[in-house]
Amino acid sequence: MSLCIAAGGKIIALAATTFSLSWTHSVERTLWQEQWIVREGKLAITQATVQGSGAGIGLPDNAVRSEDGWSYTPDLPPLERLSLAASGATPSAWTLCADGQCLELGAAAGDTVELWADGQCRTP
């Protein structure tokens, strides 16, 4: 099973079972990072960390403060696909890191990115 990424008209396959997604929040300008796992052909979020709360950032009851910010385990079911759309309001692209390799995704407004798990990374 591979992590499949469709971005910029290309499909990238990564032989990764875990990955992180990070970006800078558009209003608060704070770092947001999520940890994901590929499990049974789906994408499951295992942890999220945000440097602070504020506009559009509601912290759940299970959030714990550390030197990195507020960390919590989101209560979301595994996803078939994760769609990211660049608004142009964020000061940075998404950064996806897996197995020591990092990619910048969705840098320009209107860019779309699709993530999914598949054995052959066929077009979504």
PDB file of N, CA and C in Angstrom:
ATOM      1  N   MET A   1       0.851  -1.175   0.000  1.00  0.00           N
ATOM      2  CA  MET A   1       0.000   0.000   0.000  1.00  0.00           C
ATOM      3  C   MET A   1       0.894   1.234   0.000  1.00  0.00           C
ATOM      4  N   SER A   2       0.588   2.197  -0.851  1.00  0.00           N
ATOM      5  CA  SER A   2       1.347   3.435  -0.961  1.00  0.00           C
ATOM      6  C   SER A   2       0.488   4.621  -0.569  1.00  0.00           C
ATOM      7  N   LEU A   3       1.146   5.674  -0.147  1.00  0.00           N
ATOM      8  CA  LEU A   3       0.479   6.954   0.034  1.00  0.00           C
ATOM      9  C   LEU A   3       0.529   7.638  -1.320  1.00  0.00           C
ATOM     10  N   CYS A   4      -0.625   7.983  -1.851  1.00  0.00           N
ATOM     11  CA  CYS A   4      -0.726   8.585  -3.177  1.00  0.00           C
ATOM     12  C   CYS A   4      -1.050  10.064  -3.035  1.00  0.00           C
ATOM     13  N   ILE A   5      -0.373  10.870  -3.840  1.00  0.00           N
ATOM     14  CA  ILE A   5      -0.545  12.321  -3.794  1.00  0.00           C
ATOM     15  C   ILE A   5      -0.772  12.808  -5.213  1.00  0.00           C
ATOM     16  N   ALA A   6      -1.907  13.444  -5.463  1.00  0.00           N
ATOM     17  CA  ALA A   6      -2.176  14.068  -6.756  1.00  0.00           C
ATOM     18  C   ALA A   6      -2.069  15.574  -6.555  1.00  0.00           C
ATOM     19  N   ALA A   7      -1.093  16.191  -7.213  1.00  0.00           N
ATOM     20  CA  ALA A   7      -0.881  17.632  -7.083  1.00  0.00           C
ATOM     21  C   ALA A   7      -0.176  18.141  -8.333  1.00  0.00           C
ATOM     22  N   GLY A   8      -0.568  19.290  -8.787  1.00  0.00           N
ATOM     23  CA  GLY A   8       0.095  19.899  -9.937  1.00  0.00           C
ATOM     24  C   GLY A   8       0.058  19.048 -11.189  1.00  0.00           C
ATOM     25  N   GLY A   9      -1.010  18.276 -11.370  1.00  0.00           N
ATOM     26  CA  GLY A   9      -1.141  17.442 -12.560  1.00  0.00           C
ATOM     27  C   GLY A   9      -0.309  16.171 -12.533  1.00  0.00           C
ATOM     28  N   LYS A  10       0.325  15.876 -11.398  1.00  0.00           N
ATOM     29  CA  LYS A  10       1.148  14.676 -11.267  1.00  0.00           C
ATOM     30  C   LYS A  10       0.639  13.807 -10.126  1.00  0.00           C
ATOM     31  N   ILE A  11       0.968  12.527 -10.209  1.00  0.00           N
ATOM     32  CA  ILE A  11       0.682  11.602  -9.111  1.00  0.00           C
ATOM     33  C   ILE A  11       2.006  11.101  -8.572  1.00  0.00           C
ATOM     34  N   ILE A  12       2.163  11.253  -7.274  1.00  0.00           N
ATOM     35  CA  ILE A  12       3.371  10.806  -6.585  1.00  0.00           C
ATOM     36  C   ILE A  12       2.986   9.651  -5.669  1.00  0.00           C
ATOM     37  N   ALA A  13       3.769   8.590  -5.691  1.00  0.00           N
ATOM     38  CA  ALA A  13       3.540   7.443  -4.802  1.00  0.00           C
ATOM     39  C   ALA A  13       4.685   7.380  -3.795  1.00  0.00           C
ATOM     40  N   LEU A  14       4.335   7.340  -2.518  1.00  0.00           N
ATOM     41  CA  LEU A  14       5.333   7.195  -1.465  1.00  0.00           C
ATOM     42  C   LEU A  14       5.074   5.887  -0.729  1.00  0.00           C
ATOM     43  N   ALA A  15       6.101   5.096  -0.554  1.00  0.00           N
ATOM     44  CA  ALA A  15       5.974   3.845   0.198  1.00  0.00           C
ATOM     45  C   ALA A  15       6.059   4.184   1.680  1.00  0.00           C
ATOM     46  N   ALA A  16       5.025   4.845   2.185  1.00  0.00           N
ATOM     47  CA  ALA A  16       5.015   5.308   3.573  1.00  0.00           C
ATOM     48  C   ALA A  16       3.723   4.883   4.248  1.00  0.00           C
ATOM     49  N   THR A  17       3.831   4.489   5.488  1.00  0.00           N
ATOM     50  CA  THR A  17       2.631   4.148   6.252  1.00  0.00           C
ATOM     51  C   THR A  17       2.288   5.228   7.272  1.00  0.00           C
ATOM     52  N   THR A  18       3.201   6.183   7.480  1.00  0.00           N
ATOM     53  CA  THR A  18       2.923   7.331   8.334  1.00  0.00           C
ATOM     54  C   THR A  18       3.413   8.585   7.632  1.00  0.00           C
ATOM     55  N   PHE A  19       2.754   9.698   7.918  1.00  0.00           N
ATOM     56  CA  PHE A  19       3.179  10.972   7.357  1.00  0.00           C
ATOM     57  C   PHE A  19       2.651  12.100   8.222  1.00  0.00           C
ATOM     58  N   SER A  20       3.264  13.262   8.055  1.00  0.00           N
ATOM     59  CA  SER A  20       2.778  14.449   8.751  1.00  0.00           C
ATOM     60  C   SER A  20       2.401  15.508   7.722  1.00  0.00           C
ATOM     61  N   LEU A  21       1.431  16.315   8.090  1.00  0.00           N
ATOM     62  CA  LEU A  21       1.024  17.472   7.300  1.00  0.00           C
ATOM     63  C   LEU A  21       1.164  18.687   8.206  1.00  0.00           C
ATOM     64  N   SER A  22       1.792  19.739   7.710  1.00  0.00           N
ATOM     65  CA  SER A  22       1.883  20.955   8.515  1.00  0.00           C
ATOM     66  C   SER A  22       1.657  22.167   7.627  1.00  0.00           C
ATOM     67  N   TRP A  23       1.183  23.240   8.240  1.00  0.00           N
ATOM     68  CA  TRP A  23       0.935  24.487   7.537  1.00  0.00           C
ATOM     69  C   TRP A  23       0.822  25.602   8.562  1.00  0.00           C
ATOM     70  N   THR A  24       0.828  26.837   8.078  1.00  0.00           N
ATOM     71  CA  THR A  24       0.662  28.000   8.931  1.00  0.00           C
ATOM     72  C   THR A  24      -0.780  28.482   8.812  1.00  0.00           C
ATOM     73  N   HIS A  25      -1.444  28.648   9.955  1.00  0.00           N
ATOM     74  CA  HIS A  25      -2.840  29.077   9.990  1.00  0.00           C
ATOM     75  C   HIS A  25      -2.978  30.460   9.341  1.00  0.00           C
ATOM     76  N   SER A  26      -4.025  30.644   8.545  1.00  0.00           N
ATOM     77  CA  SER A  26      -4.176  31.857   7.739  1.00  0.00           C
ATOM     78  C   SER A  26      -4.408  33.123   8.565  1.00  0.00           C
ATOM     79  N   VAL A  27      -5.049  33.033   9.711  1.00  0.00           N
ATOM     80  CA  VAL A  27      -5.342  34.225  10.506  1.00  0.00           C
ATOM     81  C   VAL A  27      -4.354  34.375  11.656  1.00  0.00           C
ATOM     82  N   GLU A  28      -4.185  33.325  12.437  1.00  0.00           N
ATOM     83  CA  GLU A  28      -3.338  33.391  13.628  1.00  0.00           C
ATOM     84  C   GLU A  28      -1.846  33.318  13.320  1.00  0.00           C
ATOM     85  N   ARG A  29      -1.503  32.835  12.109  1.00  0.00           N
ATOM     86  CA  ARG A  29      -0.098  32.697  11.695  1.00  0.00           C
ATOM     87  C   ARG A  29       0.690  31.783  12.639  1.00  0.00           C
ATOM     88  N   THR A  30       0.016  30.747  13.109  1.00  0.00           N
ATOM     89  CA  THR A  30       0.658  29.763  13.981  1.00  0.00           C
ATOM     90  C   THR A  30       0.760  28.433  13.238  1.00  0.00           C
ATOM     91  N   LEU A  31       1.745  27.647  13.619  1.00  0.00           N
ATOM     92  CA  LEU A  31       1.970  26.346  12.987  1.00  0.00           C
ATOM     93  C   LEU A  31       0.918  25.346  13.441  1.00  0.00           C
ATOM     94  N   TRP A  32       0.413  24.574  12.481  1.00  0.00           N
ATOM     95  CA  TRP A  32      -0.540  23.494  12.734  1.00  0.00           C
ATOM     96  C   TRP A  32       0.094  22.250  12.133  1.00  0.00           C
ATOM     97  N   GLN A  33       0.144  21.170  12.881  1.00  0.00           N
ATOM     98  CA  GLN A  33       0.744  19.937  12.377  1.00  0.00           C
ATOM     99  C   GLN A  33      -0.138  18.750  12.740  1.00  0.00           C
ATOM    100  N   GLU A  34      -0.296  17.841  11.780  1.00  0.00           N
ATOM    101  CA  GLU A  34      -1.077  16.618  11.991  1.00  0.00           C
ATOM    102  C   GLU A  34      -0.230  15.402  11.662  1.00  0.00           C
ATOM    103  N   GLN A  35      -0.439  14.349  12.424  1.00  0.00           N
ATOM    104  CA  GLN A  35       0.209  13.065  12.182  1.00  0.00           C
ATOM    105  C   GLN A  35      -0.853  12.107  11.638  1.00  0.00           C
ATOM    106  N   TRP A  36      -0.515  11.404  10.559  1.00  0.00           N
ATOM    107  CA  TRP A  36      -1.449  10.508   9.886  1.00  0.00           C
ATOM    108  C   TRP A  36      -0.825   9.128   9.734  1.00  0.00           C
ATOM    109  N   ILE A  37      -1.689   8.120   9.591  1.00  0.00           N
ATOM    110  CA  ILE A  37      -1.250   6.752   9.344  1.00  0.00           C
ATOM    111  C   ILE A  37      -2.108   6.161   8.217  1.00  0.00           C
ATOM    112  N   VAL A  38      -1.477   5.345   7.393  1.00  0.00           N
ATOM    113  CA  VAL A  38      -2.202   4.603   6.359  1.00  0.00           C
ATOM    114  C   VAL A  38      -2.556   3.257   6.977  1.00  0.00           C
ATOM    115  N   ARG A  39      -3.861   2.992   7.091  1.00  0.00           N
ATOM    116  CA  ARG A  39      -4.307   1.773   7.748  1.00  0.00           C
ATOM    117  C   ARG A  39      -5.506   1.198   7.000  1.00  0.00           C
ATOM    118  N   GLU A  40      -5.385  -0.039   6.576  1.00  0.00           N
ATOM    119  CA  GLU A  40      -6.469  -0.755   5.887  1.00  0.00           C
ATOM    120  C   GLU A  40      -6.999   0.041   4.692  1.00  0.00           C
ATOM    121  N   GLY A  41      -6.089   0.639   3.933  1.00  0.00           N
ATOM    122  CA  GLY A  41      -6.467   1.349   2.726  1.00  0.00           C
ATOM    123  C   GLY A  41      -7.094   2.710   2.954  1.00  0.00           C
ATOM    124  N   LYS A  42      -7.021   3.224   4.188  1.00  0.00           N
ATOM    125  CA  LYS A  42      -7.591   4.535   4.495  1.00  0.00           C
ATOM    126  C   LYS A  42      -6.559   5.388   5.222  1.00  0.00           C
ATOM    127  N   LEU A  43      -6.859   6.672   5.336  1.00  0.00           N
ATOM    128  CA  LEU A  43      -5.986   7.615   6.023  1.00  0.00           C
ATOM    129  C   LEU A  43      -6.618   7.958   7.367  1.00  0.00           C
ATOM    130  N   ALA A  44      -5.869   7.754   8.436  1.00  0.00           N
ATOM    131  CA  ALA A  44      -6.385   8.024   9.776  1.00  0.00           C
ATOM    132  C   ALA A  44      -5.482   9.030  10.483  1.00  0.00           C
ATOM    133  N   ILE A  45      -6.090  10.081  11.005  1.00  0.00           N
ATOM    134  CA  ILE A  45      -5.331  11.082  11.756  1.00  0.00           C
ATOM    135  C   ILE A  45      -5.137  10.556  13.178  1.00  0.00           C
ATOM    136  N   THR A  46      -3.907  10.645  13.670  1.00  0.00           N
ATOM    137  CA  THR A  46      -3.604  10.114  15.003  1.00  0.00           C
ATOM    138  C   THR A  46      -3.318  11.203  16.025  1.00  0.00           C
ATOM    139  N   GLN A  47      -2.869  12.380  15.562  1.00  0.00           N
ATOM    140  CA  GLN A  47      -2.578  13.468  16.482  1.00  0.00           C
ATOM    141  C   GLN A  47      -2.536  14.784  15.727  1.00  0.00           C
ATOM    142  N   ALA A  48      -2.928  15.849  16.394  1.00  0.00           N
ATOM    143  CA  ALA A  48      -2.824  17.198  15.857  1.00  0.00           C
ATOM    144  C   ALA A  48      -2.171  18.077  16.910  1.00  0.00           C
ATOM    145  N   THR A  49      -1.346  19.010  16.461  1.00  0.00           N
ATOM    146  CA  THR A  49      -0.711  19.972  17.356  1.00  0.00           C
ATOM    147  C   THR A  49      -0.822  21.339  16.728  1.00  0.00           C
ATOM    148  N   VAL A  50      -1.275  22.312  17.503  1.00  0.00           N
ATOM    149  CA  VAL A  50      -1.370  23.690  17.044  1.00  0.00           C
ATOM    150  C   VAL A  50      -0.711  24.574  18.102  1.00  0.00           C
ATOM    151  N   GLN A  51       0.014  25.588  17.650  1.00  0.00           N
ATOM    152  CA  GLN A  51       0.777  26.409  18.583  1.00  0.00           C
ATOM    153  C   GLN A  51      -0.098  27.240  19.520  1.00  0.00           C
ATOM    154  N   GLY A  52      -1.312  27.539  19.121  1.00  0.00           N
ATOM    155  CA  GLY A  52      -2.190  28.313  20.002  1.00  0.00           C
ATOM    156  C   GLY A  52      -3.608  28.296  19.495  1.00  0.00           C
ATOM    157  N   SER A  53      -4.525  28.726  20.334  1.00  0.00           N
ATOM    158  CA  SER A  53      -5.925  28.808  19.924  1.00  0.00           C
ATOM    159  C   SER A  53      -6.193  30.227  19.433  1.00  0.00           C
ATOM    160  N   GLY A  54      -7.351  30.429  18.863  1.00  0.00           N
ATOM    161  CA  GLY A  54      -7.706  31.751  18.360  1.00  0.00           C
ATOM    162  C   GLY A  54      -8.727  31.627  17.252  1.00  0.00           C
ATOM    163  N   ALA A  55      -8.681  32.526  16.301  1.00  0.00           N
ATOM    164  CA  ALA A  55      -9.649  32.580  15.208  1.00  0.00           C
ATOM    165  C   ALA A  55      -9.710  31.257  14.456  1.00  0.00           C
ATOM    166  N   GLY A  56     -10.845  30.585  14.531  1.00  0.00           N
ATOM    167  CA  GLY A  56     -11.033  29.338  13.803  1.00  0.00           C
ATOM    168  C   GLY A  56     -10.288  28.143  14.372  1.00  0.00           C
ATOM    169  N   ILE A  57      -9.674  28.308  15.527  1.00  0.00           N
ATOM    170  CA  ILE A  57      -8.930  27.201  16.137  1.00  0.00           C
ATOM    171  C   ILE A  57      -9.571  26.884  17.482  1.00  0.00           C
ATOM    172  N   GLY A  58     -10.494  25.944  17.473  1.00  0.00           N
ATOM    173  CA  GLY A  58     -11.125  25.505  18.711  1.00  0.00           C
ATOM    174  C   GLY A  58     -10.405  24.279  19.242  1.00  0.00           C
ATOM    175  N   LEU A  59      -9.981  24.349  20.470  1.00  0.00           N
ATOM    176  CA  LEU A  59      -9.280  23.207  21.061  1.00  0.00           C
ATOM    177  C   LEU A  59     -10.270  22.278  21.747  1.00  0.00           C
ATOM    178  N   PRO A  60     -10.169  20.974  21.489  1.00  0.00           N
ATOM    179  CA  PRO A  60     -11.065  20.035  22.145  1.00  0.00           C
ATOM    180  C   PRO A  60     -10.687  19.833  23.614  1.00  0.00           C
ATOM    181  N   ASP A  61     -11.572  19.209  24.358  1.00  0.00           N
ATOM    182  CA  ASP A  61     -11.348  18.969  25.790  1.00  0.00           C
ATOM    183  C   ASP A  61     -10.115  18.126  26.070  1.00  0.00           C
ATOM    184  N   ASN A  62      -9.720  17.281  25.122  1.00  0.00           N
ATOM    185  CA  ASN A  62      -8.575  16.386  25.366  1.00  0.00           C
ATOM    186  C   ASN A  62      -7.238  17.010  24.969  1.00  0.00           C
ATOM    187  N   ALA A  63      -7.208  18.316  24.638  1.00  0.00           N
ATOM    188  CA  ALA A  63      -5.960  18.981  24.254  1.00  0.00           C
ATOM    189  C   ALA A  63      -5.052  19.140  25.471  1.00  0.00           C
ATOM    190  N   VAL A  64      -3.761  18.870  25.253  1.00  0.00           N
ATOM    191  CA  VAL A  64      -2.762  18.952  26.311  1.00  0.00           C
ATOM    192  C   VAL A  64      -1.679  19.937  25.873  1.00  0.00           C
ATOM    193  N   ARG A  65      -1.298  20.838  26.774  1.00  0.00           N
ATOM    194  CA  ARG A  65      -0.281  21.849  26.469  1.00  0.00           C
ATOM    195  C   ARG A  65       1.120  21.282  26.638  1.00  0.00           C
ATOM    196  N   SER A  66       2.003  21.579  25.672  1.00  0.00           N
ATOM    197  CA  SER A  66       3.410  21.212  25.752  1.00  0.00           C
ATOM    198  C   SER A  66       4.214  22.374  25.191  1.00  0.00           C
ATOM    199  N   GLU A  67       5.529  22.222  25.124  1.00  0.00           N
ATOM    200  CA  GLU A  67       6.355  23.298  24.573  1.00  0.00           C
ATOM    201  C   GLU A  67       6.094  23.518  23.080  1.00  0.00           C
ATOM    202  N   ASP A  68       5.523  22.513  22.388  1.00  0.00           N
ATOM    203  CA  ASP A  68       5.207  22.622  20.963  1.00  0.00           C
ATOM    204  C   ASP A  68       3.856  23.264  20.694  1.00  0.00           C
ATOM    205  N   GLY A  69       3.013  23.373  21.705  1.00  0.00           N
ATOM    206  CA  GLY A  69       1.671  23.914  21.541  1.00  0.00           C
ATOM    207  C   GLY A  69       0.656  23.013  22.197  1.00  0.00           C
ATOM    208  N   TRP A  70      -0.531  23.014  21.661  1.00  0.00           N
ATOM    209  CA  TRP A  70      -1.622  22.174  22.162  1.00  0.00           C
ATOM    210  C   TRP A  70      -1.725  20.938  21.281  1.00  0.00           C
ATOM    211  N   SER A  71      -1.643  19.752  21.873  1.00  0.00           N
ATOM    212  CA  SER A  71      -1.749  18.490  21.128  1.00  0.00           C
ATOM    213  C   SER A  71      -3.000  17.748  21.569  1.00  0.00           C
ATOM    214  N   TYR A  72      -3.602  17.063  20.613  1.00  0.00           N
ATOM    215  CA  TYR A  72      -4.808  16.293  20.911  1.00  0.00           C
ATOM    216  C   TYR A  72      -4.998  15.206  19.859  1.00  0.00           C
ATOM    217  N   THR A  73      -5.860  14.273  20.169  1.00  0.00           N
ATOM    218  CA  THR A  73      -6.226  13.219  19.238  1.00  0.00           C
ATOM    219  C   THR A  73      -7.601  13.547  18.670  1.00  0.00           C
ATOM    220  N   PRO A  74      -7.664  13.920  17.389  1.00  0.00           N
ATOM    221  CA  PRO A  74      -8.964  14.240  16.783  1.00  0.00           C
ATOM    222  C   PRO A  74      -9.886  13.024  16.755  1.00  0.00           C
ATOM    223  N   ASP A  75     -11.160  13.266  16.961  1.00  0.00           N
ATOM    224  CA  ASP A  75     -12.159  12.205  16.938  1.00  0.00           C
ATOM    225  C   ASP A  75     -12.786  12.154  15.546  1.00  0.00           C
ATOM    226  N   LEU A  76     -12.013  11.622  14.590  1.00  0.00           N
ATOM    227  CA  LEU A  76     -12.465  11.539  13.204  1.00  0.00           C
ATOM    228  C   LEU A  76     -12.296  10.112  12.691  1.00  0.00           C
ATOM    229  N   PRO A  77     -13.245   9.622  11.905  1.00  0.00           N
ATOM    230  CA  PRO A  77     -13.088   8.291  11.324  1.00  0.00           C
ATOM    231  C   PRO A  77     -12.026   8.319  10.227  1.00  0.00           C
ATOM    232  N   PRO A  78     -11.434   7.175   9.893  1.00  0.00           N
ATOM    233  CA  PRO A  78     -10.482   7.110   8.774  1.00  0.00           C
ATOM    234  C   PRO A  78     -11.153   7.574   7.471  1.00  0.00           C
ATOM    235  N   LEU A  79     -10.365   8.188   6.617  1.00  0.00           N
ATOM    236  CA  LEU A  79     -10.874   8.754   5.365  1.00  0.00           C
ATOM    237  C   LEU A  79     -10.401   7.956   4.156  1.00  0.00           C
ATOM    238  N   GLU A  80     -11.268   7.853   3.165  1.00  0.00           N
ATOM    239  CA  GLU A  80     -10.877   7.279   1.874  1.00  0.00           C
ATOM    240  C   GLU A  80      -9.907   8.219   1.169  1.00  0.00           C
ATOM    241  N   ARG A  81     -10.204   9.527   1.249  1.00  0.00           N
ATOM    242  CA  ARG A  81      -9.411  10.561   0.597  1.00  0.00           C
ATOM    243  C   ARG A  81      -9.351  11.791   1.492  1.00  0.00           C
ATOM    244  N   LEU A  82      -8.254  12.509   1.349  1.00  0.00           N
ATOM    245  CA  LEU A  82      -8.102  13.791   2.021  1.00  0.00           C
ATOM    246  C   LEU A  82      -7.871  14.821   0.929  1.00  0.00           C
ATOM    247  N   SER A  83      -8.753  15.809   0.838  1.00  0.00           N
ATOM    248  CA  SER A  83      -8.654  16.861  -0.179  1.00  0.00           C
ATOM    249  C   SER A  83      -8.197  18.149   0.479  1.00  0.00           C
ATOM    250  N   LEU A  84      -7.181  18.747  -0.094  1.00  0.00           N
ATOM    251  CA  LEU A  84      -6.650  20.019   0.385  1.00  0.00           C
ATOM    252  C   LEU A  84      -6.813  21.034  -0.731  1.00  0.00           C
ATOM    253  N   ALA A  85      -7.270  22.229  -0.412  1.00  0.00           N
ATOM    254  CA  ALA A  85      -7.433  23.279  -1.418  1.00  0.00           C
ATOM    255  C   ALA A  85      -6.756  24.538  -0.911  1.00  0.00           C
ATOM    256  N   ALA A  86      -5.850  25.079  -1.684  1.00  0.00           N
ATOM    257  CA  ALA A  86      -5.110  26.279  -1.293  1.00  0.00           C
ATOM    258  C   ALA A  86      -5.993  27.509  -1.457  1.00  0.00           C
ATOM    259  N   SER A  87      -6.177  28.236  -0.370  1.00  0.00           N
ATOM    260  CA  SER A  87      -7.028  29.427  -0.393  1.00  0.00           C
ATOM    261  C   SER A  87      -6.282  30.669  -0.847  1.00  0.00           C
ATOM    262  N   GLY A  88      -4.981  30.644  -0.731  1.00  0.00           N
ATOM    263  CA  GLY A  88      -4.193  31.829  -1.021  1.00  0.00           C
ATOM    264  C   GLY A  88      -4.069  32.738   0.193  1.00  0.00           C
ATOM    265  N   ALA A  89      -4.814  32.433   1.269  1.00  0.00           N
ATOM    266  CA  ALA A  89      -4.772  33.252   2.482  1.00  0.00           C
ATOM    267  C   ALA A  89      -3.685  32.800   3.452  1.00  0.00           C
ATOM    268  N   THR A  90      -3.216  31.588   3.303  1.00  0.00           N
ATOM    269  CA  THR A  90      -2.178  31.096   4.205  1.00  0.00           C
ATOM    270  C   THR A  90      -0.812  31.578   3.718  1.00  0.00           C
ATOM    271  N   PRO A  91       0.105  31.836   4.648  1.00  0.00           N
ATOM    272  CA  PRO A  91       1.416  32.333   4.237  1.00  0.00           C
ATOM    273  C   PRO A  91       2.360  31.255   3.715  1.00  0.00           C
ATOM    274  N   SER A  92       1.916  30.012   3.706  1.00  0.00           N
ATOM    275  CA  SER A  92       2.789  28.930   3.234  1.00  0.00           C
ATOM    276  C   SER A  92       1.961  27.819   2.614  1.00  0.00           C
ATOM    277  N   ALA A  93       2.649  26.961   1.903  1.00  0.00           N
ATOM    278  CA  ALA A  93       2.029  25.744   1.365  1.00  0.00           C
ATOM    279  C   ALA A  93       1.890  24.727   2.487  1.00  0.00           C
ATOM    280  N   TRP A  94       1.256  23.597   2.195  1.00  0.00           N
ATOM    281  CA  TRP A  94       1.299  22.473   3.120  1.00  0.00           C
ATOM    282  C   TRP A  94       2.652  21.808   2.960  1.00  0.00           C
ATOM    283  N   THR A  95       3.160  21.290   4.051  1.00  0.00           N
ATOM    284  CA  THR A  95       4.373  20.480   3.987  1.00  0.00           C
ATOM    285  C   THR A  95       3.994  19.075   4.402  1.00  0.00           C
ATOM    286  N   LEU A  96       4.211  18.122   3.519  1.00  0.00           N
ATOM    287  CA  LEU A  96       3.959  16.717   3.803  1.00  0.00           C
ATOM    288  C   LEU A  96       5.315  16.043   3.967  1.00  0.00           C
ATOM    289  N   CYS A  97       5.523  15.386   5.106  1.00  0.00           N
ATOM    290  CA  CYS A  97       6.776  14.673   5.357  1.00  0.00           C
ATOM    291  C   CYS A  97       6.483  13.204   5.622  1.00  0.00           C
ATOM    292  N   ALA A  98       7.272  12.335   4.993  1.00  0.00           N
ATOM    293  CA  ALA A  98       7.150  10.886   5.182  1.00  0.00           C
ATOM    294  C   ALA A  98       8.521  10.262   4.955  1.00  0.00           C
ATOM    295  N   ASP A  99       8.929   9.419   5.864  1.00  0.00           N
ATOM    296  CA  ASP A  99      10.207   8.712   5.747  1.00  0.00           C
ATOM    297  C   ASP A  99      11.378   9.639   5.437  1.00  0.00           C
ATOM    298  N   GLY A 100      11.439  10.783   6.118  1.00  0.00           N
ATOM    299  CA  GLY A 100      12.558  11.691   5.955  1.00  0.00           C
ATOM    300  C   GLY A 100      12.520  12.556   4.704  1.00  0.00           C
ATOM    301  N   GLN A 101      11.483  12.442   3.911  1.00  0.00           N
ATOM    302  CA  GLN A 101      11.330  13.224   2.690  1.00  0.00           C
ATOM    303  C   GLN A 101      10.167  14.195   2.876  1.00  0.00           C
ATOM    304  N   CYS A 102      10.364  15.462   2.549  1.00  0.00           N
ATOM    305  CA  CYS A 102       9.303  16.461   2.685  1.00  0.00           C
ATOM    306  C   CYS A 102       8.987  17.082   1.327  1.00  0.00           C
ATOM    307  N   LEU A 103       7.704  17.313   1.102  1.00  0.00           N
ATOM    308  CA  LEU A 103       7.216  17.921  -0.134  1.00  0.00           C
ATOM    309  C   LEU A 103       6.369  19.133   0.218  1.00  0.00           C
ATOM    310  N   GLU A 104       6.499  20.213  -0.554  1.00  0.00           N
ATOM    311  CA  GLU A 104       5.604  21.352  -0.427  1.00  0.00           C
ATOM    312  C   GLU A 104       4.467  21.160  -1.409  1.00  0.00           C
ATOM    313  N   LEU A 105       3.244  21.302  -0.927  1.00  0.00           N
ATOM    314  CA  LEU A 105       2.063  21.060  -1.741  1.00  0.00           C
ATOM    315  C   LEU A 105       1.105  22.242  -1.658  1.00  0.00           C
ATOM    316  N   GLY A 106       0.446  22.568  -2.760  1.00  0.00           N
ATOM    317  CA  GLY A 106      -0.591  23.594  -2.761  1.00  0.00           C
ATOM    318  C   GLY A 106      -0.077  24.978  -2.448  1.00  0.00           C
ATOM    319  N   ALA A 107       0.996  25.398  -3.066  1.00  0.00           N
ATOM    320  CA  ALA A 107       1.598  26.700  -2.762  1.00  0.00           C
ATOM    321  C   ALA A 107       0.802  27.873  -3.341  1.00  0.00           C
ATOM    322  N   ALA A 108       0.149  27.677  -4.474  1.00  0.00           N
ATOM    323  CA  ALA A 108      -0.569  28.776  -5.135  1.00  0.00           C
ATOM    324  C   ALA A 108      -2.071  28.676  -4.869  1.00  0.00           C
ATOM    325  N   ALA A 109      -2.713  29.837  -4.767  1.00  0.00           N
ATOM    326  CA  ALA A 109      -4.163  29.875  -4.571  1.00  0.00           C
ATOM    327  C   ALA A 109      -4.847  29.075  -5.659  1.00  0.00           C
ATOM    328  N   GLY A 110      -5.804  28.253  -5.259  1.00  0.00           N
ATOM    329  CA  GLY A 110      -6.535  27.433  -6.210  1.00  0.00           C
ATOM    330  C   GLY A 110      -5.937  26.058  -6.443  1.00  0.00           C
ATOM    331  N   ASP A 111      -4.702  25.844  -5.997  1.00  0.00           N
ATOM    332  CA  ASP A 111      -4.096  24.513  -6.136  1.00  0.00           C
ATOM    333  C   ASP A 111      -4.909  23.504  -5.320  1.00  0.00           C
ATOM    334  N   THR A 112      -5.119  22.339  -5.893  1.00  0.00           N
ATOM    335  CA  THR A 112      -5.787  21.272  -5.160  1.00  0.00           C
ATOM    336  C   THR A 112      -4.824  20.104  -4.998  1.00  0.00           C
ATOM    337  N   VAL A 113      -4.974  19.433  -3.891  1.00  0.00           N
ATOM    338  CA  VAL A 113      -4.142  18.280  -3.576  1.00  0.00           C
ATOM    339  C   VAL A 113      -5.064  17.185  -3.063  1.00  0.00           C
ATOM    340  N   GLU A 114      -4.882  15.973  -3.566  1.00  0.00           N
ATOM    341  CA  GLU A 114      -5.650  14.814  -3.104  1.00  0.00           C
ATOM    342  C   GLU A 114      -4.677  13.794  -2.540  1.00  0.00           C
ATOM    343  N   LEU A 115      -4.993  13.252  -1.374  1.00  0.00           N
ATOM    344  CA  LEU A 115      -4.206  12.181  -0.757  1.00  0.00           C
ATOM    345  C   LEU A 115      -5.096  10.966  -0.579  1.00  0.00           C
ATOM    346  N   TRP A 116      -4.569   9.791  -0.859  1.00  0.00           N
ATOM    347  CA  TRP A 116      -5.284   8.547  -0.650  1.00  0.00           C
ATOM    348  C   TRP A 116      -4.284   7.398  -0.581  1.00  0.00           C
ATOM    349  N   ALA A 117      -4.746   6.236  -0.174  1.00  0.00           N
ATOM    350  CA  ALA A 117      -3.901   5.046  -0.115  1.00  0.00           C
ATOM    351  C   ALA A 117      -4.350   4.088  -1.210  1.00  0.00           C
ATOM    352  N   ASP A 118      -3.356   3.484  -1.896  1.00  0.00           N
ATOM    353  CA  ASP A 118      -3.685   2.577  -2.994  1.00  0.00           C
ATOM    354  C   ASP A 118      -2.453   1.717  -3.274  1.00  0.00           C
ATOM    355  N   GLY A 119      -2.677   0.578  -3.827  1.00  0.00           N
ATOM    356  CA  GLY A 119      -1.571  -0.297  -4.176  1.00  0.00           C
ATOM    357  C   GLY A 119      -0.813   0.181  -5.409  1.00  0.00           C
ATOM    358  N   GLN A 120      -1.501   0.871  -6.327  1.00  0.00           N
ATOM    359  CA  GLN A 120      -0.867   1.300  -7.574  1.00  0.00           C
ATOM    360  C   GLN A 120      -0.979   2.791  -7.843  1.00  0.00           C
ATOM    361  N   CYS A 121      -1.584   3.552  -6.943  1.00  0.00           N
ATOM    362  CA  CYS A 121      -1.737   5.015  -7.090  1.00  0.00           C
ATOM    363  C   CYS A 121      -2.335   5.394  -8.439  1.00  0.00           C
ATOM    364  N   ARG A 122      -3.474   4.832  -8.715  1.00  0.00           N
ATOM    365  CA  ARG A 122      -4.195   5.186  -9.931  1.00  0.00           C
ATOM    366  C   ARG A 122      -4.844   6.565  -9.756  1.00  0.00           C
ATOM    367  N   THR A 123      -5.205   7.201 -10.856  1.00  0.00           N
ATOM    368  CA  THR A 123      -5.842   8.509 -10.832  1.00  0.00           C
ATOM    369  C   THR A 123      -7.113   8.443 -10.002  1.00  0.00           C
ATOM    370  N   PRO A 124      -7.265   9.448  -9.089  1.00  0.00           N
ATOM    371  CA  PRO A 124      -8.471   9.445  -8.234  1.00  0.00           C
ATOM    372  C   PRO A 124      -9.737   9.692  -9.016  1.00  0.00           C
TER     373      PRO A 124
END
